[in-house]
Each structure stands twice: as C-alpha cells, then as structure tokens.
Amino acid sequence: KKLSAVTMINEQVPVEEITRIFCTQRQQAFELHSLSVKKCVLGVQVLLSRVVLLKDP
C-alpha cells in the first residue's frame, strides 16, 4: 500500500523520511542519476511545505 505525502504528514512522518521514501522509489523506477534525486528532494520539500501551510492556517 503506497502512502501519499499528505497521509504521511497527517501521521507526523518526518519530512526527511517522506522525501527518502518518495525519491528512492522514483530512483528505482527510472534509474535516476543523483541530480534528479536532488530535484526530487527539493520538489517533495516544496510540496510538503505547501501541504503543511494548507493544513495549519
């Protein structure tokens, strides 16, 4: 069962852990090089900060 970022935030999973899960999944799927992983990390962190802002007005 694949958790969404929002679900993980609601369950108070640390951002680093969410990022690692998402980006390693993606890395395995597409065999990304490290630059893409860094982009993924940034993207996840931006996404999470937005979700957190929406959750805590």
C-alpha atoms as a PDB file:
ATOM      1  CA  LYS A   1       0.000   0.000   0.000  1.00  0.00           C
ATOM      2  CA  LYS A   2       1.501   3.270  -1.126  1.00  0.00           C
ATOM      3  CA  LEU A   3       1.039   6.194   1.229  1.00  0.00           C
ATOM      4  CA  SER A   4       0.538   9.687  -0.117  1.00  0.00           C
ATOM      5  CA  ALA A   5       2.611  12.597   1.142  1.00  0.00           C
ATOM      6  CA  VAL A   6      -0.476  14.127   2.730  1.00  0.00           C
ATOM      7  CA  THR A   7      -1.255  10.929   4.629  1.00  0.00           C
ATOM      8  CA  MET A   8       2.310  10.743   5.896  1.00  0.00           C
ATOM      9  CA  ILE A   9       2.230  14.384   7.037  1.00  0.00           C
ATOM     10  CA  ASN A  10      -1.022  13.761   8.869  1.00  0.00           C
ATOM     11  CA  GLU A  11       0.662  10.833  10.598  1.00  0.00           C
ATOM     12  CA  GLN A  12       3.598  13.109  11.538  1.00  0.00           C
ATOM     13  CA  VAL A  13       6.190  11.277   9.472  1.00  0.00           C
ATOM     14  CA  PRO A  14       9.344  13.445   9.294  1.00  0.00           C
ATOM     15  CA  VAL A  15       9.917  15.321   6.035  1.00  0.00           C
ATOM     16  CA  GLU A  16      13.307  13.648   5.563  1.00  0.00           C
ATOM     17  CA  GLU A  17      11.691  10.230   5.764  1.00  0.00           C
ATOM     18  CA  ILE A  18       8.920  11.126   3.313  1.00  0.00           C
ATOM     19  CA  THR A  19      11.498  12.563   0.935  1.00  0.00           C
ATOM     20  CA  ARG A  20      13.652   9.458   1.169  1.00  0.00           C
ATOM     21  CA  ILE A  21      10.690   7.156   0.511  1.00  0.00           C
ATOM     22  CA  PHE A  22       9.432   9.123  -2.466  1.00  0.00           C
ATOM     23  CA  CYS A  23      12.795   9.803  -4.053  1.00  0.00           C
ATOM     24  CA  THR A  24      14.220   6.311  -3.680  1.00  0.00           C
ATOM     25  CA  GLN A  25      11.006   4.854  -5.142  1.00  0.00           C
ATOM     26  CA  ARG A  26      11.362   7.200  -8.077  1.00  0.00           C
ATOM     27  CA  GLN A  27      15.058   6.480  -8.408  1.00  0.00           C
ATOM     28  CA  GLN A  28      14.408   2.752  -8.624  1.00  0.00           C
ATOM     29  CA  ALA A  29      11.601   3.256 -11.115  1.00  0.00           C
ATOM     30  CA  PHE A  30      13.516   5.469 -13.512  1.00  0.00           C
ATOM     31  CA  GLU A  31      17.143   4.719 -12.528  1.00  0.00           C
ATOM     32  CA  LEU A  32      17.710   8.415 -11.971  1.00  0.00           C
ATOM     33  CA  HIS A  33      21.110   9.955 -11.549  1.00  0.00           C
ATOM     34  CA  SER A  34      21.896  11.976  -8.427  1.00  0.00           C
ATOM     35  CA  LEU A  35      20.918  15.334  -9.968  1.00  0.00           C
ATOM     36  CA  SER A  36      17.357  14.128 -10.478  1.00  0.00           C
ATOM     37  CA  VAL A  37      17.263  12.807  -6.936  1.00  0.00           C
ATOM     38  CA  LYS A  38      18.261  16.252  -5.667  1.00  0.00           C
ATOM     39  CA  LYS A  39      15.493  17.792  -7.768  1.00  0.00           C
ATOM     40  CA  CYS A  40      13.076  15.234  -6.365  1.00  0.00           C
ATOM     41  CA  VAL A  41      14.125  16.083  -2.817  1.00  0.00           C
ATOM     42  CA  LEU A  42      13.540  19.793  -3.430  1.00  0.00           C
ATOM     43  CA  GLY A  43      10.215  19.107  -5.104  1.00  0.00           C
ATOM     44  CA  VAL A  44       8.995  16.950  -2.246  1.00  0.00           C
ATOM     45  CA  GLN A  45      10.050  19.540   0.326  1.00  0.00           C
ATOM     46  CA  VAL A  46       8.225  22.323  -1.549  1.00  0.00           C
ATOM     47  CA  LEU A  47       5.146  20.124  -1.856  1.00  0.00           C
ATOM     48  CA  LEU A  48       5.248  19.276   1.842  1.00  0.00           C
ATOM     49  CA  SER A  49       5.649  22.896   2.907  1.00  0.00           C
ATOM     50  CA  ARG A  50       2.564  23.764   0.836  1.00  0.00           C
ATOM     51  CA  VAL A  51       0.566  20.925   2.340  1.00  0.00           C
ATOM     52  CA  VAL A  52       1.607  21.929   5.852  1.00  0.00           C
ATOM     53  CA  LEU A  53       0.569  25.522   5.139  1.00  0.00           C
ATOM     54  CA  LEU A  54      -2.823  24.320   3.926  1.00  0.00           C
ATOM     55  CA  LYS A  55      -3.216  22.094   6.965  1.00  0.00           C
ATOM     56  CA  ASP A  56      -2.240  24.735   9.545  1.00  0.00           C
ATOM     57  CA  PRO A  57      -3.868  28.028   8.547  1.00  0.00           C
END
